[in-house]
PDB file of N, CA and C in Angstrom:
ATOM      1  N   MET A   1    -183.979-102.392-179.400  1.00  0.00           N
ATOM      2  CA  MET A   1    -184.541-101.424-178.489  1.00  0.00           C
ATOM      3  C   MET A   1    -185.455-102.137-177.489  1.00  0.00           C
ATOM      4  N   ILE A   2    -185.334-101.776-176.237  1.00  0.00           N
ATOM      5  CA  ILE A   2    -186.130-102.373-175.173  1.00  0.00           C
ATOM      6  C   ILE A   2    -187.433-101.585-175.027  1.00  0.00           C
ATOM      7  N   ALA A   3    -188.513-102.299-174.789  1.00  0.00           N
ATOM      8  CA  ALA A   3    -189.825-101.676-174.609  1.00  0.00           C
ATOM      9  C   ALA A   3    -189.926-101.032-173.229  1.00  0.00           C
ATOM     10  N   ARG A   4    -190.825-100.073-173.130  1.00  0.00           N
ATOM     11  CA  ARG A   4    -191.144 -99.452-171.844  1.00  0.00           C
ATOM     12  C   ARG A   4    -192.552 -99.883-171.463  1.00  0.00           C
ATOM     13  N   TYR A   5    -192.742-100.163-170.182  1.00  0.00           N
ATOM     14  CA  TYR A   5    -194.017-100.667-169.679  1.00  0.00           C
ATOM     15  C   TYR A   5    -194.543 -99.739-168.593  1.00  0.00           C
ATOM     16  N   LYS A   6    -195.847 -99.474-168.633  1.00  0.00           N
ATOM     17  CA  LYS A   6    -196.452 -98.709-167.543  1.00  0.00           C
ATOM     18  C   LYS A   6    -197.924 -99.084-167.416  1.00  0.00           C
ATOM     19  N   LEU A   7    -198.486 -98.784-166.250  1.00  0.00           N
ATOM     20  CA  LEU A   7    -199.879 -99.082-165.971  1.00  0.00           C
ATOM     21  C   LEU A   7    -200.754 -97.899-166.375  1.00  0.00           C
ATOM     22  N   VAL A   8    -201.920 -98.211-166.945  1.00  0.00           N
ATOM     23  CA  VAL A   8    -202.871 -97.193-167.374  1.00  0.00           C
ATOM     24  C   VAL A   8    -204.243 -97.597-166.854  1.00  0.00           C
ATOM     25  N   PHE A   9    -204.923 -96.651-166.212  1.00  0.00           N
ATOM     26  CA  PHE A   9    -206.253 -96.925-165.669  1.00  0.00           C
ATOM     27  C   PHE A   9    -207.333 -96.308-166.551  1.00  0.00           C
ATOM     28  N   ASN A  10    -208.333 -97.105-166.892  1.00  0.00           N
ATOM     29  CA  ASN A  10    -209.533 -96.659-167.589  1.00  0.00           C
ATOM     30  C   ASN A  10    -209.202 -95.838-168.842  1.00  0.00           C
ATOM     31  N   ARG A  11    -208.358 -96.401-169.675  1.00  0.00           N
ATOM     32  CA  ARG A  11    -207.866 -95.728-170.877  1.00  0.00           C
ATOM     33  C   ARG A  11    -208.992 -95.273-171.798  1.00  0.00           C
ATOM     34  N   LYS A  12    -210.045 -96.060-171.905  1.00  0.00           N
ATOM     35  CA  LYS A  12    -211.142 -95.741-172.813  1.00  0.00           C
ATOM     36  C   LYS A  12    -212.253 -94.927-172.145  1.00  0.00           C
ATOM     37  N   ASN A  13    -212.038 -94.547-170.888  1.00  0.00           N
ATOM     38  CA  ASN A  13    -213.037 -93.795-170.129  1.00  0.00           C
ATOM     39  C   ASN A  13    -214.407 -94.464-170.145  1.00  0.00           C
ATOM     40  N   GLN A  14    -214.396 -95.789-169.961  1.00  0.00           N
ATOM     41  CA  GLN A  14    -215.639 -96.541-169.914  1.00  0.00           C
ATOM     42  C   GLN A  14    -215.645 -97.400-168.657  1.00  0.00           C
ATOM     43  N   LEU A  15    -216.633 -97.181-167.830  1.00  0.00           N
ATOM     44  CA  LEU A  15    -216.776 -97.986-166.630  1.00  0.00           C
ATOM     45  C   LEU A  15    -217.745 -99.129-166.907  1.00  0.00           C
ATOM     46  N   ASN A  16    -217.533-100.269-166.252  1.00  0.00           N
ATOM     47  CA  ASN A  16    -218.451-101.394-166.415  1.00  0.00           C
ATOM     48  C   ASN A  16    -219.705-101.156-165.577  1.00  0.00           C
ATOM     49  N   LYS A  17    -220.605-102.114-165.554  1.00  0.00           N
ATOM     50  CA  LYS A  17    -221.879-101.933-164.851  1.00  0.00           C
ATOM     51  C   LYS A  17    -221.707-101.780-163.339  1.00  0.00           C
ATOM     52  N   ASN A  18    -220.537-102.174-162.819  1.00  0.00           N
ATOM     53  CA  ASN A  18    -220.238-102.002-161.388  1.00  0.00           C
ATOM     54  C   ASN A  18    -219.537-100.679-161.095  1.00  0.00           C
ATOM     55  N   GLY A  19    -219.366 -99.836-162.121  1.00  0.00           N
ATOM     56  CA  GLY A  19    -218.697 -98.547-161.943  1.00  0.00           C
ATOM     57  C   GLY A  19    -217.194 -98.666-161.847  1.00  0.00           C
ATOM     58  N   GLU A  20    -216.620 -99.713-162.466  1.00  0.00           N
ATOM     59  CA  GLU A  20    -215.180 -99.963-162.385  1.00  0.00           C
ATOM     60  C   GLU A  20    -214.531 -99.823-163.767  1.00  0.00           C
ATOM     61  N   GLY A  21    -213.285 -99.368-163.753  1.00  0.00           N
ATOM     62  CA  GLY A  21    -212.504 -99.263-164.978  1.00  0.00           C
ATOM     63  C   GLY A  21    -211.369-100.273-164.972  1.00  0.00           C
ATOM     64  N   LEU A  22    -210.894-100.612-166.158  1.00  0.00           N
ATOM     65  CA  LEU A  22    -209.846-101.614-166.329  1.00  0.00           C
ATOM     66  C   LEU A  22    -208.457-101.003-166.182  1.00  0.00           C
ATOM     67  N   VAL A  23    -207.577-101.726-165.506  1.00  0.00           N
ATOM     68  CA  VAL A  23    -206.152-101.364-165.459  1.00  0.00           C
ATOM     69  C   VAL A  23    -205.469-102.146-166.577  1.00  0.00           C
ATOM     70  N   GLN A  24    -204.782-101.429-167.469  1.00  0.00           N
ATOM     71  CA  GLN A  24    -204.079-102.067-168.573  1.00  0.00           C
ATOM     72  C   GLN A  24    -202.585-101.784-168.468  1.00  0.00           C
ATOM     73  N   ILE A  25    -201.818-102.603-169.160  1.00  0.00           N
ATOM     74  CA  ILE A  25    -200.377-102.394-169.255  1.00  0.00           C
ATOM     75  C   ILE A  25    -200.102-101.820-170.634  1.00  0.00           C
ATOM     76  N   GLU A  26    -199.497-100.634-170.643  1.00  0.00           N
ATOM     77  CA  GLU A  26    -199.133 -99.993-171.902  1.00  0.00           C
ATOM     78  C   GLU A  26    -197.697-100.364-172.232  1.00  0.00           C
ATOM     79  N   ILE A  27    -197.486-100.809-173.456  1.00  0.00           N
ATOM     80  CA  ILE A  27    -196.146-101.187-173.914  1.00  0.00           C
ATOM     81  C   ILE A  27    -195.761-100.233-175.030  1.00  0.00           C
ATOM     82  N   ASN A  28    -194.636 -99.542-174.869  1.00  0.00           N
ATOM     83  CA  ASN A  28    -194.117 -98.632-175.889  1.00  0.00           C
ATOM     84  C   ASN A  28    -192.819 -99.196-176.439  1.00  0.00           C
ATOM     85  N   LYS A  29    -192.769 -99.335-177.752  1.00  0.00           N
ATOM     86  CA  LYS A  29    -191.545 -99.831-178.373  1.00  0.00           C
ATOM     87  C   LYS A  29    -191.450 -99.270-179.788  1.00  0.00           C
ATOM     88  N   SER A  30    -190.354 -98.666-180.104  1.00  0.00           N
ATOM     89  CA  SER A  30    -190.096 -98.115-181.434  1.00  0.00           C
ATOM     90  C   SER A  30    -191.203 -97.170-181.893  1.00  0.00           C
ATOM     91  N   GLY A  31    -191.707 -96.361-180.974  1.00  0.00           N
ATOM     92  CA  GLY A  31    -192.724 -95.379-181.318  1.00  0.00           C
ATOM     93  C   GLY A  31    -194.124 -95.944-181.484  1.00  0.00           C
ATOM     94  N   LYS A  32    -194.309 -97.215-181.189  1.00  0.00           N
ATOM     95  CA  LYS A  32    -195.631 -97.840-181.283  1.00  0.00           C
ATOM     96  C   LYS A  32    -196.098 -98.238-179.898  1.00  0.00           C
ATOM     97  N   ARG A  33    -197.431 -98.327-179.742  1.00  0.00           N
ATOM     98  CA  ARG A  33    -198.015 -98.697-178.455  1.00  0.00           C
ATOM     99  C   ARG A  33    -198.910 -99.918-178.599  1.00  0.00           C
ATOM    100  N   LYS A  34    -198.956-100.668-177.506  1.00  0.00           N
ATOM    101  CA  LYS A  34    -199.840-101.822-177.419  1.00  0.00           C
ATOM    102  C   LYS A  34    -200.335-101.889-175.985  1.00  0.00           C
ATOM    103  N   TYR A  35    -201.550-102.377-175.807  1.00  0.00           N
ATOM    104  CA  TYR A  35    -202.139-102.488-174.469  1.00  0.00           C
ATOM    105  C   TYR A  35    -202.513-103.932-174.181  1.00  0.00           C
ATOM    106  N   ILE A  36    -202.226-104.368-172.959  1.00  0.00           N
ATOM    107  CA  ILE A  36    -202.576-105.706-172.496  1.00  0.00           C
ATOM    108  C   ILE A  36    -203.411-105.547-171.229  1.00  0.00           C
ATOM    109  N   SER A  37    -204.481-106.312-171.133  1.00  0.00           N
ATOM    110  CA  SER A  37    -205.335-106.254-169.953  1.00  0.00           C
ATOM    111  C   SER A  37    -204.651-106.913-168.756  1.00  0.00           C
ATOM    112  N   SER A  38    -204.758-106.265-167.605  1.00  0.00           N
ATOM    113  CA  SER A  38    -204.272-106.878-166.368  1.00  0.00           C
ATOM    114  C   SER A  38    -205.384-107.693-165.713  1.00  0.00           C
ATOM    115  N   GLU A  39    -206.595-107.551-166.238  1.00  0.00           N
ATOM    116  CA  GLU A  39    -207.787-108.200-165.697  1.00  0.00           C
ATOM    117  C   GLU A  39    -208.147-107.687-164.305  1.00  0.00           C
ATOM    118  N   VAL A  40    -207.637-106.503-163.953  1.00  0.00           N
ATOM    119  CA  VAL A  40    -207.954-105.861-162.683  1.00  0.00           C
ATOM    120  C   VAL A  40    -208.895-104.689-162.972  1.00  0.00           C
ATOM    121  N   TYR A  41    -210.036-104.685-162.287  1.00  0.00           N
ATOM    122  CA  TYR A  41    -211.007-103.598-162.413  1.00  0.00           C
ATOM    123  C   TYR A  41    -211.111-102.872-161.081  1.00  0.00           C
ATOM    124  N   LEU A  42    -211.125-101.537-161.152  1.00  0.00           N
ATOM    125  CA  LEU A  42    -211.176-100.716-159.942  1.00  0.00           C
ATOM    126  C   LEU A  42    -212.167 -99.576-160.116  1.00  0.00           C
ATOM    127  N   LYS A  43    -212.670 -99.090-159.011  1.00  0.00           N
ATOM    128  CA  LYS A  43    -213.468 -97.870-159.034  1.00  0.00           C
ATOM    129  C   LYS A  43    -212.495 -96.696-159.191  1.00  0.00           C
ATOM    130  N   PRO A  44    -212.927 -95.606-159.823  1.00  0.00           N
ATOM    131  CA  PRO A  44    -212.017 -94.476-160.046  1.00  0.00           C
ATOM    132  C   PRO A  44    -211.342 -93.941-158.785  1.00  0.00           C
ATOM    133  N   ASN A  45    -212.042 -93.970-157.641  1.00  0.00           N
ATOM    134  CA  ASN A  45    -211.425 -93.452-156.411  1.00  0.00           C
ATOM    135  C   ASN A  45    -210.410 -94.417-155.799  1.00  0.00           C
ATOM    136  N   GLU A  46    -210.248 -95.601-156.391  1.00  0.00           N
ATOM    137  CA  GLU A  46    -209.284 -96.588-155.888  1.00  0.00           C
ATOM    138  C   GLU A  46    -207.944 -96.529-156.631  1.00  0.00           C
ATOM    139  N   TRP A  47    -207.807 -95.643-157.614  1.00  0.00           N
ATOM    140  CA  TRP A  47    -206.584 -95.552-158.413  1.00  0.00           C
ATOM    141  C   TRP A  47    -205.874 -94.242-158.127  1.00  0.00           C
ATOM    142  N   ASN A  48    -204.567 -94.311-157.869  1.00  0.00           N
ATOM    143  CA  ASN A  48    -203.744 -93.119-157.656  1.00  0.00           C
ATOM    144  C   ASN A  48    -203.082 -92.767-158.978  1.00  0.00           C
ATOM    145  N   LEU A  49    -203.548 -91.712-159.606  1.00  0.00           N
ATOM    146  CA  LEU A  49    -203.072 -91.326-160.932  1.00  0.00           C
ATOM    147  C   LEU A  49    -201.611 -90.880-160.923  1.00  0.00           C
ATOM    148  N   LYS A  50    -201.167 -90.250-159.855  1.00  0.00           N
ATOM    149  CA  LYS A  50    -199.778 -89.790-159.791  1.00  0.00           C
ATOM    150  C   LYS A  50    -198.797 -90.945-159.595  1.00  0.00           C
ATOM    151  N   LYS A  51    -199.141 -91.874-158.711  1.00  0.00           N
ATOM    152  CA  LYS A  51    -198.248 -92.997-158.413  1.00  0.00           C
ATOM    153  C   LYS A  51    -198.470 -94.190-159.337  1.00  0.00           C
ATOM    154  N   LEU A  52    -199.563 -94.157-160.117  1.00  0.00           N
ATOM    155  CA  LEU A  52    -199.930 -95.259-161.011  1.00  0.00           C
ATOM    156  C   LEU A  52    -200.026 -96.580-160.245  1.00  0.00           C
ATOM    157  N   GLU A  53    -200.810 -96.530-159.177  1.00  0.00           N
ATOM    158  CA  GLU A  53    -201.017 -97.719-158.366  1.00  0.00           C
ATOM    159  C   GLU A  53    -202.363 -97.650-157.667  1.00  0.00           C
ATOM    160  N   VAL A  54    -202.776 -98.778-157.116  1.00  0.00           N
ATOM    161  CA  VAL A  54    -204.015 -98.857-156.354  1.00  0.00           C
ATOM    162  C   VAL A  54    -203.798 -98.122-155.036  1.00  0.00           C
ATOM    163  N   ASN A  55    -204.746 -97.262-154.664  1.00  0.00           N
ATOM    164  CA  ASN A  55    -204.569 -96.525-153.410  1.00  0.00           C
ATOM    165  C   ASN A  55    -205.303 -97.194-152.257  1.00  0.00           C
ATOM    166  N   ILE A  56    -205.198 -96.607-151.093  1.00  0.00           N
ATOM    167  CA  ILE A  56    -205.707 -97.248-149.879  1.00  0.00           C
ATOM    168  C   ILE A  56    -207.228 -97.275-149.785  1.00  0.00           C
ATOM    169  N   ASN A  57    -207.930 -96.695-150.757  1.00  0.00           N
ATOM    170  CA  ASN A  57    -209.391 -96.793-150.758  1.00  0.00           C
ATOM    171  C   ASN A  57    -209.839 -98.216-151.057  1.00  0.00           C
ATOM    172  N   ASN A  58    -208.954 -99.031-151.568  1.00  0.00           N
ATOM    173  CA  ASN A  58    -209.262-100.434-151.854  1.00  0.00           C
ATOM    174  C   ASN A  58    -208.658-101.288-150.746  1.00  0.00           C
ATOM    175  N   THR A  59    -209.466-102.173-150.168  1.00  0.00           N
ATOM    176  CA  THR A  59    -208.987-102.986-149.043  1.00  0.00           C
ATOM    177  C   THR A  59    -207.893-103.976-149.447  1.00  0.00           C
ATOM    178  N   ASN A  60    -207.813-104.318-150.725  1.00  0.00           N
ATOM    179  CA  ASN A  60    -206.786-105.248-151.216  1.00  0.00           C
ATOM    180  C   ASN A  60    -205.656-104.519-151.930  1.00  0.00           C
ATOM    181  N   CYS A  61    -205.406-103.274-151.576  1.00  0.00           N
ATOM    182  CA  CYS A  61    -204.444-102.462-152.339  1.00  0.00           C
ATOM    183  C   CYS A  61    -203.045-103.084-152.376  1.00  0.00           C
ATOM    184  N   ASN A  62    -202.564-103.621-151.280  1.00  0.00           N
ATOM    185  CA  ASN A  62    -201.217-104.202-151.284  1.00  0.00           C
ATOM    186  C   ASN A  62    -201.133-105.413-152.202  1.00  0.00           C
ATOM    187  N   GLN A  63    -202.118-106.286-152.131  1.00  0.00           N
ATOM    188  CA  GLN A  63    -202.125-107.481-152.992  1.00  0.00           C
ATOM    189  C   GLN A  63    -202.232-107.087-154.469  1.00  0.00           C
ATOM    190  N   LEU A  64    -203.109-106.144-154.770  1.00  0.00           N
ATOM    191  CA  LEU A  64    -203.285-105.722-156.164  1.00  0.00           C
ATOM    192  C   LEU A  64    -202.035-105.027-156.699  1.00  0.00           C
ATOM    193  N   ASN A  65    -201.422-104.170-155.892  1.00  0.00           N
ATOM    194  CA  ASN A  65    -200.193-103.500-156.328  1.00  0.00           C
ATOM    195  C   ASN A  65    -199.071-104.508-156.559  1.00  0.00           C
ATOM    196  N   ASN A  66    -198.960-105.501-155.674  1.00  0.00           N
ATOM    197  CA  ASN A  66    -197.949-106.543-155.867  1.00  0.00           C
ATOM    198  C   ASN A  66    -198.205-107.321-157.152  1.00  0.00           C
ATOM    199  N   TYR A  67    -199.457-107.656-157.408  1.00  0.00           N
ATOM    200  CA  TYR A  67    -199.818-108.382-158.626  1.00  0.00           C
ATOM    201  C   TYR A  67    -199.475-107.548-159.870  1.00  0.00           C
ATOM    202  N   LEU A  68    -199.840-106.269-159.868  1.00  0.00           N
ATOM    203  CA  LEU A  68    -199.574-105.416-161.029  1.00  0.00           C
ATOM    204  C   LEU A  68    -198.071-105.229-161.254  1.00  0.00           C
ATOM    205  N   ARG A  69    -197.318-105.058-160.171  1.00  0.00           N
ATOM    206  CA  ARG A  69    -195.852-104.948-160.307  1.00  0.00           C
ATOM    207  C   ARG A  69    -195.257-106.232-160.868  1.00  0.00           C
ATOM    208  N   LYS A  70    -195.777-107.372-160.406  1.00  0.00           N
ATOM    209  CA  LYS A  70    -195.296-108.660-160.898  1.00  0.00           C
ATOM    210  C   LYS A  70    -195.580-108.798-162.392  1.00  0.00           C
ATOM    211  N   CYS A  71    -196.715-108.330-162.839  1.00  0.00           N
ATOM    212  CA  CYS A  71    -197.040-108.370-164.271  1.00  0.00           C
ATOM    213  C   CYS A  71    -196.002-107.589-165.076  1.00  0.00           C
ATOM    214  N   LEU A  72    -195.671-106.383-164.603  1.00  0.00           N
ATOM    215  CA  LEU A  72    -194.676-105.563-165.301  1.00  0.00           C
ATOM    216  C   LEU A  72    -193.310-106.244-165.294  1.00  0.00           C
ATOM    217  N   ILE A  73    -192.919-106.779-164.152  1.00  0.00           N
ATOM    218  CA  ILE A  73    -191.617-107.439-164.033  1.00  0.00           C
ATOM    219  C   ILE A  73    -191.547-108.663-164.938  1.00  0.00           C
ATOM    220  N   ASP A  74    -192.632-109.442-164.989  1.00  0.00           N
ATOM    221  CA  ASP A  74    -192.651-110.624-165.852  1.00  0.00           C
ATOM    222  C   ASP A  74    -192.508-110.254-167.320  1.00  0.00           C
ATOM    223  N   LEU A  75    -193.177-109.200-167.740  1.00  0.00           N
ATOM    224  CA  LEU A  75    -193.042-108.738-169.128  1.00  0.00           C
ATOM    225  C   LEU A  75    -191.596-108.319-169.427  1.00  0.00           C
ATOM    226  N   GLU A  76    -191.013-107.541-168.514  1.00  0.00           N
ATOM    227  CA  GLU A  76    -189.632-107.108-168.702  1.00  0.00           C
ATOM    228  C   GLU A  76    -188.669-108.300-168.727  1.00  0.00           C
ATOM    229  N   ASN A  77    -188.869-109.247-167.822  1.00  0.00           N
ATOM    230  CA  ASN A  77    -187.997-110.429-167.775  1.00  0.00           C
ATOM    231  C   ASN A  77    -188.100-111.271-169.042  1.00  0.00           C
ATOM    232  N   ASN A  78    -189.322-111.436-169.565  1.00  0.00           N
ATOM    233  CA  ASN A  78    -189.490-112.180-170.813  1.00  0.00           C
ATOM    234  C   ASN A  78    -188.739-111.516-171.955  1.00  0.00           C
ATOM    235  N   GLU A  79    -188.804-110.198-172.001  1.00  0.00           N
ATOM    236  CA  GLU A  79    -188.094-109.487-173.057  1.00  0.00           C
ATOM    237  C   GLU A  79    -186.582-109.612-172.883  1.00  0.00           C
ATOM    238  N   LEU A  80    -186.095-109.494-171.656  1.00  0.00           N
ATOM    239  CA  LEU A  80    -184.658-109.621-171.416  1.00  0.00           C
ATOM    240  C   LEU A  80    -184.153-111.024-171.725  1.00  0.00           C
ATOM    241  N   LYS A  81    -184.948-112.044-171.380  1.00  0.00           N
ATOM    242  CA  LYS A  81    -184.576-113.426-171.720  1.00  0.00           C
ATOM    243  C   LYS A  81    -184.427-113.578-173.227  1.00  0.00           C
ATOM    244  N   SER A  82    -185.355-113.023-173.928  1.00  0.00           N
ATOM    245  CA  SER A  82    -185.331-113.101-175.383  1.00  0.00           C
ATOM    246  C   SER A  82    -184.101-112.382-175.941  1.00  0.00           C
ATOM    247  N   LEU A  83    -183.805-111.205-175.424  1.00  0.00           N
ATOM    248  CA  LEU A  83    -182.624-110.457-175.882  1.00  0.00           C
ATOM    249  C   LEU A  83    -181.339-111.215-175.571  1.00  0.00           C
ATOM    250  N   ASN A  84    -181.269-111.829-174.390  1.00  0.00           N
ATOM    251  CA  ASN A  84    -180.076-112.591-174.009  1.00  0.00           C
ATOM    252  C   ASN A  84    -179.866-113.820-174.881  1.00  0.00           C
ATOM    253  N   SER A  85    -180.948-114.343-175.437  1.00  0.00           N
ATOM    254  CA  SER A  85    -180.818-115.497-176.323  1.00  0.00           C
ATOM    255  C   SER A  85    -180.606-115.070-177.783  1.00  0.00           C
ATOM    256  N   GLY A  86    -180.464-113.768-177.995  1.00  0.00           N
ATOM    257  CA  GLY A  86    -180.149-113.276-179.337  1.00  0.00           C
ATOM    258  C   GLY A  86    -181.341-112.921-180.198  1.00  0.00           C
ATOM    259  N   LYS A  87    -182.528-112.945-179.629  1.00  0.00           N
ATOM    260  CA  LYS A  87    -183.728-112.622-180.399  1.00  0.00           C
ATOM    261  C   LYS A  87    -184.392-111.385-179.790  1.00  0.00           C
ATOM    262  N   GLU A  88    -184.610-110.383-180.608  1.00  0.00           N
ATOM    263  CA  GLU A  88    -185.303-109.186-180.125  1.00  0.00           C
ATOM    264  C   GLU A  88    -186.789-109.343-180.377  1.00  0.00           C
ATOM    265  N   LEU A  89    -187.580-109.227-179.315  1.00  0.00           N
ATOM    266  CA  LEU A  89    -189.028-109.332-179.457  1.00  0.00           C
ATOM    267  C   LEU A  89    -189.584-108.099-180.160  1.00  0.00           C
ATOM    268  N   GLN A  90    -190.501-108.320-181.073  1.00  0.00           N
ATOM    269  CA  GLN A  90    -191.229-107.227-181.702  1.00  0.00           C
ATOM    270  C   GLN A  90    -192.461-106.949-180.851  1.00  0.00           C
ATOM    271  N   LEU A  91    -193.023-105.780-181.010  1.00  0.00           N
ATOM    272  CA  LEU A  91    -194.189-105.394-180.221  1.00  0.00           C
ATOM    273  C   LEU A  91    -195.315-106.421-180.356  1.00  0.00           C
ATOM    274  N   GLU A  92    -195.506-106.948-181.554  1.00  0.00           N
ATOM    275  CA  GLU A  92    -196.559-107.929-181.792  1.00  0.00           C
ATOM    276  C   GLU A  92    -196.309-109.226-181.023  1.00  0.00           C
ATOM    277  N   ASP A  93    -195.047-109.519-180.715  1.00  0.00           N
ATOM    278  CA  ASP A  93    -194.693-110.761-180.024  1.00  0.00           C
ATOM    279  C   ASP A  93    -194.977-110.688-178.519  1.00  0.00           C
ATOM    280  N   ILE A  94    -195.088-109.491-177.986  1.00  0.00           N
ATOM    281  CA  ILE A  94    -195.327-109.316-176.561  1.00  0.00           C
ATOM    282  C   ILE A  94    -196.830-109.379-176.352  1.00  0.00           C
ATOM    283  N   THR A  95    -197.293-110.548-175.905  1.00  0.00           N
ATOM    284  CA  THR A  95    -198.741-110.742-175.833  1.00  0.00           C
ATOM    285  C   THR A  95    -199.243-111.052-174.444  1.00  0.00           C
ATOM    286  N   ASP A  96    -198.391-111.535-173.558  1.00  0.00           N
ATOM    287  CA  ASP A  96    -198.890-111.980-172.268  1.00  0.00           C
ATOM    288  C   ASP A  96    -197.810-111.865-171.213  1.00  0.00           C
ATOM    289  N   PHE A  97    -198.227-111.733-169.968  1.00  0.00           N
ATOM    290  CA  PHE A  97    -197.278-111.639-168.863  1.00  0.00           C
ATOM    291  C   PHE A  97    -197.319-112.862-167.980  1.00  0.00           C
ATOM    292  N   LYS A  98    -198.152-113.829-168.326  1.00  0.00           N
ATOM    293  CA  LYS A  98    -198.311-115.020-167.483  1.00  0.00           C
ATOM    294  C   LYS A  98    -197.356-116.115-167.889  1.00  0.00           C
TER     295      LYS A  98
END
């Protein structure tokens, strides 16, 4: 079974001292979930909840959206490489997108 990946903003509803929340990557596989940090912090008004992307309130929105999409693509590609080589990754094995 292939995992599903999506971006989640401020999952724990905790802002840092700068008033920013963390963007995480949620991985769903076989009914289990795991979260990986994207290391991107945003103010709540900089995140588009419907589109699951950085909105135009952030001056670096295009760069950040490209980076976050690349993270998702890298995770998916790593899993597909593993499947093509005959090994199915378990949720615990998916640890990084770099």
